[in-house]
Amino acid sequence: ETRFNQPGADRNWIARLPLSLADCRSRSPFAELLSSIRSLLAAS
């Protein structure tokens, strides 16, 4: 649910991803999710 900009809000552009993208590739639950997404990319 990380949102970077909400027009009209007082504080924007301060959000960061919870992990580095490299860690997302190797850590659960993101690793399994990304493996499924690569399969979707291939099938499409």
Full PDB file with SEQRES, HELIX, SHEET, SSBOND, CRYST1, ORIGX, SCALE, CONECT and MASTER records, all heavy atoms in Angstrom:
SEQRES   1 A   44  GLU THR ARG PHE ASN GLN PRO GLY ALA ASP ARG ASN TRP          
SEQRES   2 A   44  ILE ALA ARG LEU PRO LEU SER LEU ALA ASP CYS ARG SER          
SEQRES   3 A   44  ARG SER PRO PHE ALA GLU LEU LEU SER SER ILE ARG SER          
SEQRES   4 A   44  LEU LEU ALA ALA SER                                          
HELIX    1 AA1 LEU A   21  SER A   26  1                                   6    
HELIX    2 AA2 PHE A   30  ALA A   43  1                                  14    
CRYST1    1.000    1.000    1.000  90.00  90.00  90.00 P 1           1          
ORIGX1      1.000000  0.000000  0.000000        0.00000                         
ORIGX2      0.000000  1.000000  0.000000        0.00000                         
ORIGX3      0.000000  0.000000  1.000000        0.00000                         
SCALE1      1.000000  0.000000  0.000000        0.00000                         
SCALE2      0.000000  1.000000  0.000000        0.00000                         
SCALE3      0.000000  0.000000  1.000000        0.00000                         
ATOM      1  N   GLU A   1       0.802  -1.219   0.000  1.00  0.00           N  
ATOM      2  CA  GLU A   1       0.000   0.000   0.000  1.00  0.00           C  
ATOM      3  C   GLU A   1       0.836   1.269   0.000  1.00  0.00           C  
ATOM      4  O   GLU A   1       0.289   2.368   0.161  1.00  0.00           O  
ATOM      5  CB  GLU A   1      -0.938   0.001   1.214  1.00  0.00           C  
ATOM      6  CG  GLU A   1      -1.993  -1.095   1.161  1.00  0.00           C  
ATOM      7  CD  GLU A   1      -3.104  -0.891   2.170  1.00  0.00           C  
ATOM      8  OE1 GLU A   1      -3.091   0.141   2.876  1.00  0.00           O  
ATOM      9  OE2 GLU A   1      -3.987  -1.763   2.252  1.00  0.00           O  
ATOM     10  N   THR A   2       2.129   1.181  -0.197  1.00  0.00           N  
ATOM     11  CA  THR A   2       2.997   2.355  -0.178  1.00  0.00           C  
ATOM     12  C   THR A   2       2.579   3.334  -1.268  1.00  0.00           C  
ATOM     13  O   THR A   2       2.570   3.000  -2.451  1.00  0.00           O  
ATOM     14  CB  THR A   2       4.462   1.950  -0.374  1.00  0.00           C  
ATOM     15  OG1 THR A   2       4.818   1.006   0.636  1.00  0.00           O  
ATOM     16  CG2 THR A   2       5.369   3.166  -0.283  1.00  0.00           C  
ATOM     17  N   ARG A   3       2.255   4.551  -0.848  1.00  0.00           N  
ATOM     18  CA  ARG A   3       1.831   5.598  -1.783  1.00  0.00           C  
ATOM     19  C   ARG A   3       2.815   6.753  -1.700  1.00  0.00           C  
ATOM     20  O   ARG A   3       3.149   7.226  -0.616  1.00  0.00           O  
ATOM     21  CB  ARG A   3       0.421   6.079  -1.458  1.00  0.00           C  
ATOM     22  CG  ARG A   3      -0.120   7.049  -2.501  1.00  0.00           C  
ATOM     23  CD  ARG A   3      -1.600   7.319  -2.336  1.00  0.00           C  
ATOM     24  NE  ARG A   3      -2.075   8.196  -3.410  1.00  0.00           N  
ATOM     25  CZ  ARG A   3      -3.326   8.625  -3.518  1.00  0.00           C  
ATOM     26  NH1 ARG A   3      -4.236   8.262  -2.624  1.00  0.00           N  
ATOM     27  NH2 ARG A   3      -3.680   9.418  -4.525  1.00  0.00           N  
ATOM     28  N   PHE A   4       3.269   7.239  -2.843  1.00  0.00           N  
ATOM     29  CA  PHE A   4       4.321   8.247  -2.889  1.00  0.00           C  
ATOM     30  C   PHE A   4       3.786   9.672  -2.965  1.00  0.00           C  
ATOM     31  O   PHE A   4       4.428  10.602  -2.496  1.00  0.00           O  
ATOM     32  CB  PHE A   4       5.243   7.963  -4.077  1.00  0.00           C  
ATOM     33  CG  PHE A   4       5.742   6.552  -4.094  1.00  0.00           C  
ATOM     34  CD1 PHE A   4       5.284   5.644  -5.038  1.00  0.00           C  
ATOM     35  CD2 PHE A   4       6.636   6.115  -3.134  1.00  0.00           C  
ATOM     36  CE1 PHE A   4       5.727   4.336  -5.049  1.00  0.00           C  
ATOM     37  CE2 PHE A   4       7.083   4.807  -3.129  1.00  0.00           C  
ATOM     38  CZ  PHE A   4       6.625   3.904  -4.085  1.00  0.00           C  
ATOM     39  N   ASN A   5       2.623   9.835  -3.590  1.00  0.00           N  
ATOM     40  CA  ASN A   5       2.073  11.179  -3.747  1.00  0.00           C  
ATOM     41  C   ASN A   5       0.561  11.112  -3.605  1.00  0.00           C  
ATOM     42  O   ASN A   5      -0.088  10.234  -4.168  1.00  0.00           O  
ATOM     43  CB  ASN A   5       2.420  11.757  -5.115  1.00  0.00           C  
ATOM     44  CG  ASN A   5       1.841  13.146  -5.324  1.00  0.00           C  
ATOM     45  OD1 ASN A   5       1.944  14.003  -4.452  1.00  0.00           O  
ATOM     46  ND2 ASN A   5       1.219  13.377  -6.469  1.00  0.00           N  
ATOM     47  N   GLN A   6       0.032  12.051  -2.839  1.00  0.00           N  
ATOM     48  CA  GLN A   6      -1.404  12.186  -2.720  1.00  0.00           C  
ATOM     49  C   GLN A   6      -1.748  13.641  -2.922  1.00  0.00           C  
ATOM     50  O   GLN A   6      -1.530  14.458  -2.020  1.00  0.00           O  
ATOM     51  CB  GLN A   6      -1.880  11.708  -1.341  1.00  0.00           C  
ATOM     52  CG  GLN A   6      -3.394  11.731  -1.195  1.00  0.00           C  
ATOM     53  CD  GLN A   6      -3.859  11.019   0.064  1.00  0.00           C  
ATOM     54  OE1 GLN A   6      -3.199  10.109   0.542  1.00  0.00           O  
ATOM     55  NE2 GLN A   6      -4.985  11.431   0.601  1.00  0.00           N  
ATOM     56  N   PRO A   7      -2.236  14.007  -4.123  1.00  0.00           N  
ATOM     57  CA  PRO A   7      -2.501  15.418  -4.414  1.00  0.00           C  
ATOM     58  C   PRO A   7      -3.320  16.089  -3.314  1.00  0.00           C  
ATOM     59  O   PRO A   7      -4.351  15.576  -2.891  1.00  0.00           O  
ATOM     60  CB  PRO A   7      -3.273  15.357  -5.740  1.00  0.00           C  
ATOM     61  CG  PRO A   7      -2.775  14.103  -6.388  1.00  0.00           C  
ATOM     62  CD  PRO A   7      -2.560  13.131  -5.259  1.00  0.00           C  
ATOM     63  N   GLY A   8      -2.820  17.228  -2.846  1.00  0.00           N  
ATOM     64  CA  GLY A   8      -3.503  17.971  -1.808  1.00  0.00           C  
ATOM     65  C   GLY A   8      -3.026  17.676  -0.408  1.00  0.00           C  
ATOM     66  O   GLY A   8      -3.324  18.427   0.526  1.00  0.00           O  
ATOM     67  N   ALA A   9      -2.285  16.588  -0.213  1.00  0.00           N  
ATOM     68  CA  ALA A   9      -1.802  16.234   1.118  1.00  0.00           C  
ATOM     69  C   ALA A   9      -0.635  17.133   1.522  1.00  0.00           C  
ATOM     70  O   ALA A   9       0.079  17.674   0.675  1.00  0.00           O  
ATOM     71  CB  ALA A   9      -1.377  14.767   1.155  1.00  0.00           C  
ATOM     72  N   ASP A  10      -0.422  17.278   2.832  1.00  0.00           N  
ATOM     73  CA  ASP A  10       0.632  18.165   3.327  1.00  0.00           C  
ATOM     74  C   ASP A  10       2.022  17.568   3.136  1.00  0.00           C  
ATOM     75  O   ASP A  10       2.974  18.279   2.834  1.00  0.00           O  
ATOM     76  CB  ASP A  10       0.408  18.471   4.810  1.00  0.00           C  
ATOM     77  CG  ASP A  10      -0.822  19.343   5.041  1.00  0.00           C  
ATOM     78  OD1 ASP A  10      -1.174  20.100   4.119  1.00  0.00           O  
ATOM     79  OD2 ASP A  10      -1.421  19.240   6.121  1.00  0.00           O  
ATOM     80  N   ARG A  11       2.162  16.253   3.341  1.00  0.00           N  
ATOM     81  CA  ARG A  11       3.485  15.621   3.257  1.00  0.00           C  
ATOM     82  C   ARG A  11       3.466  14.558   2.174  1.00  0.00           C  
ATOM     83  O   ARG A  11       2.748  13.559   2.281  1.00  0.00           O  
ATOM     84  CB  ARG A  11       3.874  15.005   4.606  1.00  0.00           C  
ATOM     85  CG  ARG A  11       3.984  16.012   5.742  1.00  0.00           C  
ATOM     86  CD  ARG A  11       4.446  15.322   7.018  1.00  0.00           C  
ATOM     87  NE  ARG A  11       5.853  14.945   6.916  1.00  0.00           N  
ATOM     88  CZ  ARG A  11       6.385  13.916   7.595  1.00  0.00           C  
ATOM     89  NH1 ARG A  11       5.625  13.164   8.359  1.00  0.00           N  
ATOM     90  NH2 ARG A  11       7.671  13.641   7.478  1.00  0.00           N  
ATOM     91  N   ASN A  12       4.245  14.778   1.159  1.00  0.00           N  
ATOM     92  CA  ASN A  12       4.327  13.845   0.044  1.00  0.00           C  
ATOM     93  C   ASN A  12       5.783  13.523  -0.267  1.00  0.00           C  
ATOM     94  O   ASN A  12       6.699  14.185   0.210  1.00  0.00           O  
ATOM     95  CB  ASN A  12       3.651  14.432  -1.202  1.00  0.00           C  
ATOM     96  CG  ASN A  12       2.145  14.247  -1.184  1.00  0.00           C  
ATOM     97  OD1 ASN A  12       1.654  13.211  -0.750  1.00  0.00           O  
ATOM     98  ND2 ASN A  12       1.413  15.246  -1.641  1.00  0.00           N  
ATOM     99  N   TRP A  13       5.956  12.459  -1.061  1.00  0.00           N  
ATOM    100  CA  TRP A  13       7.257  12.074  -1.576  1.00  0.00           C  
ATOM    101  C   TRP A  13       8.236  11.631  -0.483  1.00  0.00           C  
ATOM    102  O   TRP A  13       9.444  11.654  -0.687  1.00  0.00           O  
ATOM    103  CB  TRP A  13       7.884  13.207  -2.402  1.00  0.00           C  
ATOM    104  CG  TRP A  13       6.961  13.731  -3.448  1.00  0.00           C  
ATOM    105  CD1 TRP A  13       6.319  14.945  -3.453  1.00  0.00           C  
ATOM    106  CD2 TRP A  13       6.515  13.047  -4.618  1.00  0.00           C  
ATOM    107  NE1 TRP A  13       5.523  15.059  -4.560  1.00  0.00           N  
ATOM    108  CE2 TRP A  13       5.613  13.909  -5.301  1.00  0.00           C  
ATOM    109  CE3 TRP A  13       6.793  11.796  -5.170  1.00  0.00           C  
ATOM    110  CZ2 TRP A  13       5.001  13.547  -6.500  1.00  0.00           C  
ATOM    111  CZ3 TRP A  13       6.175  11.440  -6.356  1.00  0.00           C  
ATOM    112  CH2 TRP A  13       5.309  12.318  -7.008  1.00  0.00           C  
ATOM    113  N   ILE A  14       7.726  11.228   0.681  1.00  0.00           N  
ATOM    114  CA  ILE A  14       8.609  10.802   1.769  1.00  0.00           C  
ATOM    115  C   ILE A  14       8.636   9.282   1.938  1.00  0.00           C  
ATOM    116  O   ILE A  14       9.458   8.758   2.681  1.00  0.00           O  
ATOM    117  CB  ILE A  14       8.213  11.442   3.111  1.00  0.00           C  
ATOM    118  CG1 ILE A  14       6.782  11.064   3.494  1.00  0.00           C  
ATOM    119  CG2 ILE A  14       8.368  12.958   3.039  1.00  0.00           C  
ATOM    120  CD1 ILE A  14       6.377  11.545   4.876  1.00  0.00           C  
ATOM    121  N   ALA A  15       7.747   8.572   1.237  1.00  0.00           N  
ATOM    122  CA  ALA A  15       7.642   7.124   1.411  1.00  0.00           C  
ATOM    123  C   ALA A  15       8.817   6.405   0.771  1.00  0.00           C  
ATOM    124  O   ALA A  15       9.332   6.811  -0.278  1.00  0.00           O  
ATOM    125  CB  ALA A  15       6.326   6.618   0.834  1.00  0.00           C  
ATOM    126  N   ARG A  16       9.231   5.305   1.406  1.00  0.00           N  
ATOM    127  CA  ARG A  16      10.282   4.442   0.873  1.00  0.00           C  
ATOM    128  C   ARG A  16       9.756   3.005   0.797  1.00  0.00           C  
ATOM    129  O   ARG A  16       8.855   2.615   1.548  1.00  0.00           O  
ATOM    130  CB  ARG A  16      11.529   4.477   1.756  1.00  0.00           C  
ATOM    131  CG  ARG A  16      12.074   5.862   2.044  1.00  0.00           C  
ATOM    132  CD  ARG A  16      13.448   5.779   2.696  1.00  0.00           C  
ATOM    133  NE  ARG A  16      14.462   5.372   1.738  1.00  0.00           N  
ATOM    134  CZ  ARG A  16      15.694   4.980   2.080  1.00  0.00           C  
ATOM    135  NH1 ARG A  16      16.039   4.919   3.358  1.00  0.00           N  
ATOM    136  NH2 ARG A  16      16.569   4.646   1.157  1.00  0.00           N  
ATOM    137  N   LEU A  17      10.314   2.235  -0.088  1.00  0.00           N  
ATOM    138  CA  LEU A  17       9.962   0.824  -0.144  1.00  0.00           C  
ATOM    139  C   LEU A  17      10.407   0.136   1.140  1.00  0.00           C  
ATOM    140  O   LEU A  17      11.399   0.536   1.761  1.00  0.00           O  
ATOM    141  CB  LEU A  17      10.616   0.164  -1.355  1.00  0.00           C  
ATOM    142  CG  LEU A  17      10.172   0.674  -2.728  1.00  0.00           C  
ATOM    143  CD1 LEU A  17      10.922  -0.060  -3.830  1.00  0.00           C  
ATOM    144  CD2 LEU A  17       8.672   0.517  -2.907  1.00  0.00           C  
ATOM    145  N   PRO A  18       9.711  -0.922   1.555  1.00  0.00           N  
ATOM    146  CA  PRO A  18      10.081  -1.583   2.808  1.00  0.00           C  
ATOM    147  C   PRO A  18      11.426  -2.287   2.751  1.00  0.00           C  
ATOM    148  O   PRO A  18      12.102  -2.440   3.773  1.00  0.00           O  
ATOM    149  CB  PRO A  18       8.942  -2.577   3.035  1.00  0.00           C  
ATOM    150  CG  PRO A  18       8.359  -2.816   1.671  1.00  0.00           C  
ATOM    151  CD  PRO A  18       8.508  -1.514   0.945  1.00  0.00           C  
ATOM    152  N   LEU A  19      11.821  -2.736   1.559  1.00  0.00           N  
ATOM    153  CA  LEU A  19      13.095  -3.437   1.357  1.00  0.00           C  
ATOM    154  C   LEU A  19      13.738  -2.936   0.073  1.00  0.00           C  
ATOM    155  O   LEU A  19      13.080  -2.319  -0.772  1.00  0.00           O  
ATOM    156  CB  LEU A  19      12.874  -4.957   1.241  1.00  0.00           C  
ATOM    157  CG  LEU A  19      12.280  -5.719   2.420  1.00  0.00           C  
ATOM    158  CD1 LEU A  19      11.970  -7.142   1.989  1.00  0.00           C  
ATOM    159  CD2 LEU A  19      13.231  -5.717   3.608  1.00  0.00           C  
ATOM    160  N   SER A  20      15.010  -3.212  -0.088  1.00  0.00           N  
ATOM    161  CA  SER A  20      15.637  -2.974  -1.382  1.00  0.00           C  
ATOM    162  C   SER A  20      15.045  -3.967  -2.381  1.00  0.00           C  
ATOM    163  O   SER A  20      14.547  -5.043  -2.000  1.00  0.00           O  
ATOM    164  CB  SER A  20      17.149  -3.164  -1.287  1.00  0.00           C  
ATOM    165  OG  SER A  20      17.463  -4.540  -1.103  1.00  0.00           O  
ATOM    166  N   LEU A  21      15.083  -3.627  -3.652  1.00  0.00           N  
ATOM    167  CA  LEU A  21      14.562  -4.545  -4.665  1.00  0.00           C  
ATOM    168  C   LEU A  21      15.370  -5.835  -4.714  1.00  0.00           C  
ATOM    169  O   LEU A  21      14.824  -6.908  -4.997  1.00  0.00           O  
ATOM    170  CB  LEU A  21      14.543  -3.853  -6.029  1.00  0.00           C  
ATOM    171  CG  LEU A  21      13.511  -2.728  -6.181  1.00  0.00           C  
ATOM    172  CD1 LEU A  21      13.616  -2.081  -7.556  1.00  0.00           C  
ATOM    173  CD2 LEU A  21      12.094  -3.231  -5.939  1.00  0.00           C  
ATOM    174  N   ALA A  22      16.659  -5.751  -4.421  1.00  0.00           N  
ATOM    175  CA  ALA A  22      17.475  -6.959  -4.364  1.00  0.00           C  
ATOM    176  C   ALA A  22      16.978  -7.885  -3.260  1.00  0.00           C  
ATOM    177  O   ALA A  22      16.885  -9.113  -3.440  1.00  0.00           O  
ATOM    178  CB  ALA A  22      18.938  -6.591  -4.140  1.00  0.00           C  
ATOM    179  N   ASP A  23      16.648  -7.324  -2.094  1.00  0.00           N  
ATOM    180  CA  ASP A  23      16.117  -8.143  -1.000  1.00  0.00           C  
ATOM    181  C   ASP A  23      14.743  -8.703  -1.344  1.00  0.00           C  
ATOM    182  O   ASP A  23      14.403  -9.820  -0.934  1.00  0.00           O  
ATOM    183  CB  ASP A  23      16.043  -7.325   0.290  1.00  0.00           C  
ATOM    184  CG  ASP A  23      17.403  -7.119   0.933  1.00  0.00           C  
ATOM    185  OD1 ASP A  23      18.339  -7.864   0.582  1.00  0.00           O  
ATOM    186  OD2 ASP A  23      17.533  -6.213   1.771  1.00  0.00           O  
ATOM    187  N   CYS A  24      13.946  -7.941  -2.079  1.00  0.00           N  
ATOM    188  CA  CYS A  24      12.636  -8.448  -2.493  1.00  0.00           C  
ATOM    189  C   CYS A  24      12.781  -9.703  -3.350  1.00  0.00           C  
ATOM    190  O   CYS A  24      11.939 -10.611  -3.280  1.00  0.00           O  
ATOM    191  CB  CYS A  24      11.870  -7.381  -3.264  1.00  0.00           C  
ATOM    192  SG  CYS A  24      11.273  -6.005  -2.248  1.00  0.00           S  
ATOM    193  N   ARG A  25      13.819  -9.750  -4.152  1.00  0.00           N  
ATOM    194  CA  ARG A  25      14.029 -10.913  -5.022  1.00  0.00           C  
ATOM    195  C   ARG A  25      14.404 -12.167  -4.234  1.00  0.00           C  
ATOM    196  O   ARG A  25      14.171 -13.281  -4.699  1.00  0.00           O  
ATOM    197  CB  ARG A  25      15.143 -10.614  -6.028  1.00  0.00           C  
ATOM    198  CG  ARG A  25      14.749  -9.672  -7.137  1.00  0.00           C  
ATOM    199  CD  ARG A  25      13.942 -10.369  -8.220  1.00  0.00           C  
ATOM    200  NE  ARG A  25      14.764 -11.253  -9.041  1.00  0.00           N  
ATOM    201  CZ  ARG A  25      14.304 -12.296  -9.709  1.00  0.00           C  
ATOM    202  NH1 ARG A  25      13.037 -12.627  -9.621  1.00  0.00           N  
ATOM    203  NH2 ARG A  25      15.107 -13.042 -10.450  1.00  0.00           N  
ATOM    204  N   SER A  26      14.951 -11.962  -3.038  1.00  0.00           N  
ATOM    205  CA  SER A  26      15.469 -13.125  -2.303  1.00  0.00           C  
ATOM    206  C   SER A  26      14.702 -13.451  -1.033  1.00  0.00           C  
ATOM    207  O   SER A  26      14.909 -14.512  -0.447  1.00  0.00           O  
ATOM    208  CB  SER A  26      16.941 -12.891  -1.947  1.00  0.00           C  
ATOM    209  OG  SER A  26      17.094 -11.735  -1.136  1.00  0.00           O  
ATOM    210  N   ARG A  27      13.814 -12.564  -0.587  1.00  0.00           N  
ATOM    211  CA  ARG A  27      13.132 -12.778   0.686  1.00  0.00           C  
ATOM    212  C   ARG A  27      11.638 -13.062   0.493  1.00  0.00           C  
ATOM    213  O   ARG A  27      10.986 -12.493  -0.363  1.00  0.00           O  
ATOM    214  CB  ARG A  27      13.281 -11.549   1.596  1.00  0.00           C  
ATOM    215  CG  ARG A  27      14.692 -11.287   2.061  1.00  0.00           C  
ATOM    216  CD  ARG A  27      14.674 -10.182   3.107  1.00  0.00           C  
ATOM    217  NE  ARG A  27      16.017  -9.717   3.446  1.00  0.00           N  
ATOM    218  CZ  ARG A  27      16.266  -8.754   4.328  1.00  0.00           C  
ATOM    219  NH1 ARG A  27      15.249  -8.159   4.955  1.00  0.00           N  
ATOM    220  NH2 ARG A  27      17.501  -8.382   4.577  1.00  0.00           N  
ATOM    221  N   SER A  28      11.136 -13.924   1.346  1.00  0.00           N  
ATOM    222  CA  SER A  28       9.711 -14.200   1.374  1.00  0.00           C  
ATOM    223  C   SER A  28       8.989 -13.025   2.051  1.00  0.00           C  
ATOM    224  O   SER A  28       9.556 -12.398   2.961  1.00  0.00           O  
ATOM    225  CB  SER A  28       9.473 -15.492   2.159  1.00  0.00           C  
ATOM    226  OG  SER A  28       8.122 -15.860   2.155  1.00  0.00           O  
ATOM    227  N   PRO A  29       7.786 -12.668   1.627  1.00  0.00           N  
ATOM    228  CA  PRO A  29       6.946 -13.330   0.618  1.00  0.00           C  
ATOM    229  C   PRO A  29       7.150 -12.803  -0.798  1.00  0.00           C  
ATOM    230  O   PRO A  29       6.530 -13.296  -1.741  1.00  0.00           O  
ATOM    231  CB  PRO A  29       5.537 -12.995   1.106  1.00  0.00           C  
ATOM    232  CG  PRO A  29       5.679 -11.611   1.655  1.00  0.00           C  
ATOM    233  CD  PRO A  29       7.046 -11.567   2.317  1.00  0.00           C  
ATOM    234  N   PHE A  30       8.027 -11.809  -0.941  1.00  0.00           N  
ATOM    235  CA  PHE A  30       8.162 -11.174  -2.255  1.00  0.00           C  
ATOM    236  C   PHE A  30       8.822 -12.089  -3.282  1.00  0.00           C  
ATOM    237  O   PHE A  30       8.492 -12.033  -4.469  1.00  0.00           O  
ATOM    238  CB  PHE A  30       8.942  -9.871  -2.133  1.00  0.00           C  
ATOM    239  CG  PHE A  30       8.263  -8.824  -1.301  1.00  0.00           C  
ATOM    240  CD1 PHE A  30       8.842  -8.339  -0.149  1.00  0.00           C  
ATOM    241  CD2 PHE A  30       7.016  -8.336  -1.670  1.00  0.00           C  
ATOM    242  CE1 PHE A  30       8.209  -7.382   0.625  1.00  0.00           C  
ATOM    243  CE2 PHE A  30       6.364  -7.369  -0.908  1.00  0.00           C  
ATOM    244  CZ  PHE A  30       6.966  -6.897   0.251  1.00  0.00           C  
ATOM    245  N   ALA A  31       9.760 -12.936  -2.835  1.00  0.00           N  
ATOM    246  CA  ALA A  31      10.481 -13.785  -3.787  1.00  0.00           C  
ATOM    247  C   ALA A  31       9.516 -14.702  -4.536  1.00  0.00           C  
ATOM    248  O   ALA A  31       9.594 -14.850  -5.764  1.00  0.00           O  
ATOM    249  CB  ALA A  31      11.545 -14.600  -3.059  1.00  0.00           C  
ATOM    250  N   GLU A  32       8.592 -15.319  -3.806  1.00  0.00           N  
ATOM    251  CA  GLU A  32       7.628 -16.210  -4.441  1.00  0.00           C  
ATOM    252  C   GLU A  32       6.686 -15.431  -5.357  1.00  0.00           C  
ATOM    253  O   GLU A  32       6.350 -15.888  -6.458  1.00  0.00           O  
ATOM    254  CB  GLU A  32       6.820 -16.955  -3.370  1.00  0.00           C  
ATOM    255  CG  GLU A  32       7.647 -17.859  -2.463  1.00  0.00           C  
ATOM    256  CD  GLU A  32       8.304 -17.127  -1.302  1.00  0.00           C  
ATOM    257  OE1 GLU A  32       8.144 -15.893  -1.204  1.00  0.00           O  
ATOM    258  OE2 GLU A  32       8.973 -17.793  -0.498  1.00  0.00           O  
ATOM    259  N   LEU A  33       6.274 -14.265  -4.900  1.00  0.00           N  
ATOM    260  CA  LEU A  33       5.403 -13.425  -5.719  1.00  0.00           C  
ATOM    261  C   LEU A  33       6.082 -13.044  -7.028  1.00  0.00           C  
ATOM    262  O   LEU A  33       5.491 -13.145  -8.113  1.00  0.00           O  
ATOM    263  CB  LEU A  33       5.031 -12.165  -4.937  1.00  0.00           C  
ATOM    264  CG  LEU A  33       4.310 -11.064  -5.720  1.00  0.00           C  
ATOM    265  CD1 LEU A  33       2.929 -11.522  -6.156  1.00  0.00           C  
ATOM    266  CD2 LEU A  33       4.221  -9.784  -4.895  1.00  0.00           C  
ATOM    267  N   LEU A  34       7.327 -12.628  -6.957  1.00  0.00           N  
ATOM    268  CA  LEU A  34       8.038 -12.175  -8.156  1.00  0.00           C  
ATOM    269  C   LEU A  34       8.290 -13.327  -9.124  1.00  0.00           C  
ATOM    270  O   LEU A  34       8.294 -13.131 -10.342  1.00  0.00           O  
ATOM    271  CB  LEU A  34       9.346 -11.499  -7.756  1.00  0.00           C  
ATOM    272  CG  LEU A  34       9.162 -10.172  -6.992  1.00  0.00           C  
ATOM    273  CD1 LEU A  34      10.499  -9.670  -6.450  1.00  0.00           C  
ATOM    274  CD2 LEU A  34       8.521  -9.115  -7.883  1.00  0.00           C  
ATOM    275  N   SER A  35       8.472 -14.522  -8.593  1.00  0.00           N  
ATOM    276  CA  SER A  35       8.614 -15.686  -9.464  1.00  0.00           C  
ATOM    277  C   SER A  35       7.327 -15.918 -10.251  1.00  0.00           C  
ATOM    278  O   SER A  35       7.364 -16.200 -11.465  1.00  0.00           O  
ATOM    279  CB  SER A  35       8.951 -16.927  -8.622  1.00  0.00           C  
ATOM    280  OG  SER A  35       9.031 -18.071  -9.440  1.00  0.00           O  
ATOM    281  N   SER A  36       6.186 -15.746  -9.594  1.00  0.00           N  
ATOM    282  CA  SER A  36       4.900 -15.895 -10.281  1.00  0.00           C  
ATOM    283  C   SER A  36       4.706 -14.795 -11.317  1.00  0.00           C  
ATOM    284  O   SER A  36       4.175 -15.043 -12.408  1.00  0.00           O  
ATOM    285  CB  SER A  36       3.762 -15.861  -9.264  1.00  0.00           C  
ATOM    286  OG  SER A  36       3.847 -16.942  -8.362  1.00  0.00           O  
ATOM    287  N   ILE A  37       5.146 -13.583 -10.991  1.00  0.00           N  
ATOM    288  CA  ILE A  37       4.994 -12.468 -11.932  1.00  0.00           C  
ATOM    289  C   ILE A  37       5.854 -12.687 -13.170  1.00  0.00           C  
ATOM    290  O   ILE A  37       5.432 -12.390 -14.302  1.00  0.00           O  
ATOM    291  CB  ILE A  37       5.330 -11.141 -11.235  1.00  0.00           C  
ATOM    292  CG1 ILE A  37       4.243 -10.807 -10.205  1.00  0.00           C  
ATOM    293  CG2 ILE A  37       5.456  -9.998 -12.254  1.00  0.00           C  
ATOM    294  CD1 ILE A  37       4.538  -9.593  -9.360  1.00  0.00           C  
ATOM    295  N   ARG A  38       7.053 -13.239 -12.988  1.00  0.00           N  
ATOM    296  CA  ARG A  38       7.879 -13.528 -14.170  1.00  0.00           C  
ATOM    297  C   ARG A  38       7.179 -14.546 -15.074  1.00  0.00           C  
ATOM    298  O   ARG A  38       7.233 -14.434 -16.299  1.00  0.00           O  
ATOM    299  CB  ARG A  38       9.255 -14.040 -13.761  1.00  0.00           C  
ATOM    300  CG  ARG A  38      10.117 -14.357 -14.985  1.00  0.00           C  
ATOM    301  CD  ARG A  38      11.543 -14.703 -14.670  1.00  0.00           C  
ATOM    302  NE  ARG A  38      12.215 -15.196 -15.873  1.00  0.00           N  
ATOM    303  CZ  ARG A  38      12.748 -14.448 -16.815  1.00  0.00           C  
ATOM    304  NH1 ARG A  38      12.694 -13.129 -16.713  1.00  0.00           N  
ATOM    305  NH2 ARG A  38      13.323 -14.979 -17.874  1.00  0.00           N  
ATOM    306  N   SER A  39       6.499 -15.506 -14.478  1.00  0.00           N  
ATOM    307  CA  SER A  39       5.753 -16.474 -15.282  1.00  0.00           C  
ATOM    308  C   SER A  39       4.631 -15.783 -16.055  1.00  0.00           C  
ATOM    309  O   SER A  39       4.364 -16.119 -17.219  1.00  0.00           O  
ATOM    310  CB  SER A  39       5.178 -17.569 -14.381  1.00  0.00           C  
ATOM    311  OG  SER A  39       6.211 -18.307 -13.753  1.00  0.00           O  
ATOM    312  N   LEU A  40       3.973 -14.820 -15.404  1.00  0.00           N  
ATOM    313  CA  LEU A  40       2.927 -14.069 -16.092  1.00  0.00           C  
ATOM    314  C   LEU A  40       3.510 -13.259 -17.248  1.00  0.00           C  
ATOM    315  O   LEU A  40       2.898 -13.159 -18.321  1.00  0.00           O  
ATOM    316  CB  LEU A  40       2.221 -13.134 -15.117  1.00  0.00           C  
ATOM    317  CG  LEU A  40       1.370 -13.772 -14.019  1.00  0.00           C  
ATOM    318  CD1 LEU A  40       0.759 -12.687 -13.137  1.00  0.00           C  
ATOM    319  CD2 LEU A  40       0.274 -14.648 -14.616  1.00  0.00           C  
ATOM    320  N   LEU A  41       4.676 -12.671 -17.040  1.00  0.00           N  
ATOM    321  CA  LEU A  41       5.332 -11.909 -18.100  1.00  0.00           C  
ATOM    322  C   LEU A  41       5.641 -12.809 -19.300  1.00  0.00           C  
ATOM    323  O   LEU A  41       5.431 -12.428 -20.456  1.00  0.00           O  
ATOM    324  CB  LEU A  41       6.619 -11.273 -17.570  1.00  0.00           C  
ATOM    325  CG  LEU A  41       6.448 -10.057 -16.665  1.00  0.00           C  
ATOM    326  CD1 LEU A  41       7.738  -9.782 -15.890  1.00  0.00           C  
ATOM    327  CD2 LEU A  41       6.078  -8.832 -17.487  1.00  0.00           C  
ATOM    328  N   ALA A  42       6.115 -14.012 -19.009  1.00  0.00           N  
ATOM    329  CA  ALA A  42       6.441 -14.944 -20.087  1.00  0.00           C  
ATOM    330  C   ALA A  42       5.182 -15.362 -20.845  1.00  0.00           C  
ATOM    331  O   ALA A  42       5.154 -15.382 -22.078  1.00  0.00           O  
ATOM    332  CB  ALA A  42       7.156 -16.161 -19.513  1.00  0.00           C  
ATOM    333  N   ALA A  43       4.122 -15.683 -20.090  1.00  0.00           N  
ATOM    334  CA  ALA A  43       2.890 -16.154 -20.721  1.00  0.00           C  
ATOM    335  C   ALA A  43       2.230 -15.063 -21.556  1.00  0.00           C  
ATOM    336  O   ALA A  43       1.557 -15.358 -22.552  1.00  0.00           O  
ATOM    337  CB  ALA A  43       1.928 -16.659 -19.645  1.00  0.00           C  
ATOM    338  N   SER A  44       2.423 -13.802 -21.169  1.00  0.00           N  
ATOM    339  CA  SER A  44       1.792 -12.695 -21.890  1.00  0.00           C  
ATOM    340  C   SER A  44       2.584 -12.249 -23.107  1.00  0.00           C  
ATOM    341  O   SER A  44       2.128 -11.397 -23.864  1.00  0.00           O  
ATOM    342  CB  SER A  44       1.611 -11.505 -20.947  1.00  0.00           C  
ATOM    343  OG  SER A  44       2.871 -10.946 -20.587  1.00  0.00           O  
TER     344      SER A  44                                                      
MASTER        0    0    0    2    0    0    0    6  343    1    0    4          
END                                                                             
